[in-house]
Amino acid sequence: MKLSLQLLFWLSLVFAGACIAYAGFGFSSIDASADPQLVENGRGYAWFWFFLGGIGAVMAVVSWLLMKEKLGDIDR
């Protein structure tokens, strides 16, 4: 069980980092002089990836807390 929690922790960190980096790329590549609808769609797409990165970060925190047994005793 401990190996799977560690695997979940590291995969969640990688997923969160990749999603947040892609969101940052999306925010930085928005051309303000473009059509306003395209700018808004681009921001929405970037915010979606940022949201997914937040989900990954929350999963990493929860798996870390489970590894450190801060959320209670888990069955082994």
C-alpha atoms as a PDB file:
ATOM      1  CA  MET A   1       0.000   0.000   0.000  1.00  0.00           C
ATOM      2  CA  LYS A   2       2.846   2.383   0.749  1.00  0.00           C
ATOM      3  CA  LEU A   3       4.318   2.026  -2.735  1.00  0.00           C
ATOM      4  CA  SER A   4       1.037   2.911  -4.374  1.00  0.00           C
ATOM      5  CA  LEU A   5       0.661   6.040  -2.220  1.00  0.00           C
ATOM      6  CA  GLN A   6       4.170   7.123  -3.144  1.00  0.00           C
ATOM      7  CA  LEU A   7       3.426   6.471  -6.802  1.00  0.00           C
ATOM      8  CA  LEU A   8       0.211   8.502  -6.527  1.00  0.00           C
ATOM      9  CA  PHE A   9       2.122  11.340  -4.865  1.00  0.00           C
ATOM     10  CA  TRP A  10       4.803  11.577  -7.565  1.00  0.00           C
ATOM     11  CA  LEU A  11       2.404  11.117 -10.474  1.00  0.00           C
ATOM     12  CA  SER A  12       0.123  13.801  -9.029  1.00  0.00           C
ATOM     13  CA  LEU A  13       3.053  16.197  -8.726  1.00  0.00           C
ATOM     14  CA  VAL A  14       4.112  15.545 -12.319  1.00  0.00           C
ATOM     15  CA  PHE A  15       0.534  15.951 -13.537  1.00  0.00           C
ATOM     16  CA  ALA A  16       0.044  19.188 -11.575  1.00  0.00           C
ATOM     17  CA  GLY A  17       3.335  20.620 -12.795  1.00  0.00           C
ATOM     18  CA  ALA A  18       2.612  19.786 -16.418  1.00  0.00           C
ATOM     19  CA  CYS A  19      -0.910  21.223 -16.291  1.00  0.00           C
ATOM     20  CA  ILE A  20       0.142  24.435 -14.552  1.00  0.00           C
ATOM     21  CA  ALA A  21       3.056  24.880 -16.959  1.00  0.00           C
ATOM     22  CA  TYR A  22       0.715  24.406 -19.913  1.00  0.00           C
ATOM     23  CA  ALA A  23      -1.699  26.925 -18.386  1.00  0.00           C
ATOM     24  CA  GLY A  24       1.154  29.403 -18.004  1.00  0.00           C
ATOM     25  CA  PHE A  25       2.071  28.869 -21.636  1.00  0.00           C
ATOM     26  CA  GLY A  26      -1.584  29.427 -22.573  1.00  0.00           C
ATOM     27  CA  PHE A  27      -1.789  32.684 -20.614  1.00  0.00           C
ATOM     28  CA  SER A  28       1.489  33.985 -21.998  1.00  0.00           C
ATOM     29  CA  SER A  29       0.639  33.209 -25.613  1.00  0.00           C
ATOM     30  CA  ILE A  30      -2.656  35.137 -25.702  1.00  0.00           C
ATOM     31  CA  ASP A  31      -2.487  37.927 -28.272  1.00  0.00           C
ATOM     32  CA  ALA A  32      -4.370  40.913 -26.830  1.00  0.00           C
ATOM     33  CA  SER A  33      -4.855  42.425 -30.288  1.00  0.00           C
ATOM     34  CA  ALA A  34      -6.768  39.371 -31.529  1.00  0.00           C
ATOM     35  CA  ASP A  35     -10.511  39.034 -31.787  1.00  0.00           C
ATOM     36  CA  PRO A  36     -12.036  39.446 -28.273  1.00  0.00           C
ATOM     37  CA  GLN A  37     -13.888  36.139 -28.591  1.00  0.00           C
ATOM     38  CA  LEU A  38     -10.639  34.310 -29.354  1.00  0.00           C
ATOM     39  CA  VAL A  39      -8.915  35.990 -26.406  1.00  0.00           C
ATOM     40  CA  GLU A  40     -11.729  34.971 -24.078  1.00  0.00           C
ATOM     41  CA  ASN A  41     -11.687  31.395 -25.397  1.00  0.00           C
ATOM     42  CA  GLY A  42      -7.929  31.231 -24.901  1.00  0.00           C
ATOM     43  CA  ARG A  43      -8.211  32.457 -21.329  1.00  0.00           C
ATOM     44  CA  GLY A  44     -10.946  29.931 -20.607  1.00  0.00           C
ATOM     45  CA  TYR A  45      -8.782  27.141 -22.008  1.00  0.00           C
ATOM     46  CA  ALA A  46      -5.805  28.250 -19.898  1.00  0.00           C
ATOM     47  CA  TRP A  47      -7.953  28.505 -16.763  1.00  0.00           C
ATOM     48  CA  PHE A  48      -9.205  24.948 -17.411  1.00  0.00           C
ATOM     49  CA  TRP A  49      -5.618  23.655 -17.448  1.00  0.00           C
ATOM     50  CA  PHE A  50      -4.863  25.640 -14.282  1.00  0.00           C
ATOM     51  CA  PHE A  51      -7.909  24.015 -12.652  1.00  0.00           C
ATOM     52  CA  LEU A  52      -6.649  20.559 -13.638  1.00  0.00           C
ATOM     53  CA  GLY A  53      -3.266  21.434 -12.141  1.00  0.00           C
ATOM     54  CA  GLY A  54      -5.014  22.408  -8.915  1.00  0.00           C
ATOM     55  CA  ILE A  55      -6.767  19.030  -8.843  1.00  0.00           C
ATOM     56  CA  GLY A  56      -3.388  17.332  -9.271  1.00  0.00           C
ATOM     57  CA  ALA A  57      -1.884  19.414  -6.459  1.00  0.00           C
ATOM     58  CA  VAL A  58      -4.770  18.541  -4.129  1.00  0.00           C
ATOM     59  CA  MET A  59      -4.314  14.858  -4.940  1.00  0.00           C
ATOM     60  CA  ALA A  60      -0.597  15.160  -4.160  1.00  0.00           C
ATOM     61  CA  VAL A  61      -1.351  16.791  -0.788  1.00  0.00           C
ATOM     62  CA  VAL A  62      -3.935  14.153   0.097  1.00  0.00           C
ATOM     63  CA  SER A  63      -1.581  11.311  -0.817  1.00  0.00           C
ATOM     64  CA  TRP A  64       1.218  12.954   1.189  1.00  0.00           C
ATOM     65  CA  LEU A  65      -1.080  13.260   4.212  1.00  0.00           C
ATOM     66  CA  LEU A  66      -2.053   9.616   3.852  1.00  0.00           C
ATOM     67  CA  MET A  67       1.604   8.581   3.647  1.00  0.00           C
ATOM     68  CA  LYS A  68       2.383  10.519   6.841  1.00  0.00           C
ATOM     69  CA  GLU A  69      -0.789   9.090   8.464  1.00  0.00           C
ATOM     70  CA  LYS A  70      -2.143  12.559   9.255  1.00  0.00           C
ATOM     71  CA  LEU A  71      -5.653  11.694   8.040  1.00  0.00           C
ATOM     72  CA  GLY A  72      -6.021   8.624  10.218  1.00  0.00           C
ATOM     73  CA  ASP A  73      -4.836   5.067  10.151  1.00  0.00           C
ATOM     74  CA  ILE A  74      -5.226   3.300   6.842  1.00  0.00           C
ATOM     75  CA  ASP A  75      -5.607  -0.463   6.548  1.00  0.00           C
ATOM     76  CA  ARG A  76      -2.365  -2.157   5.632  1.00  0.00           C
END
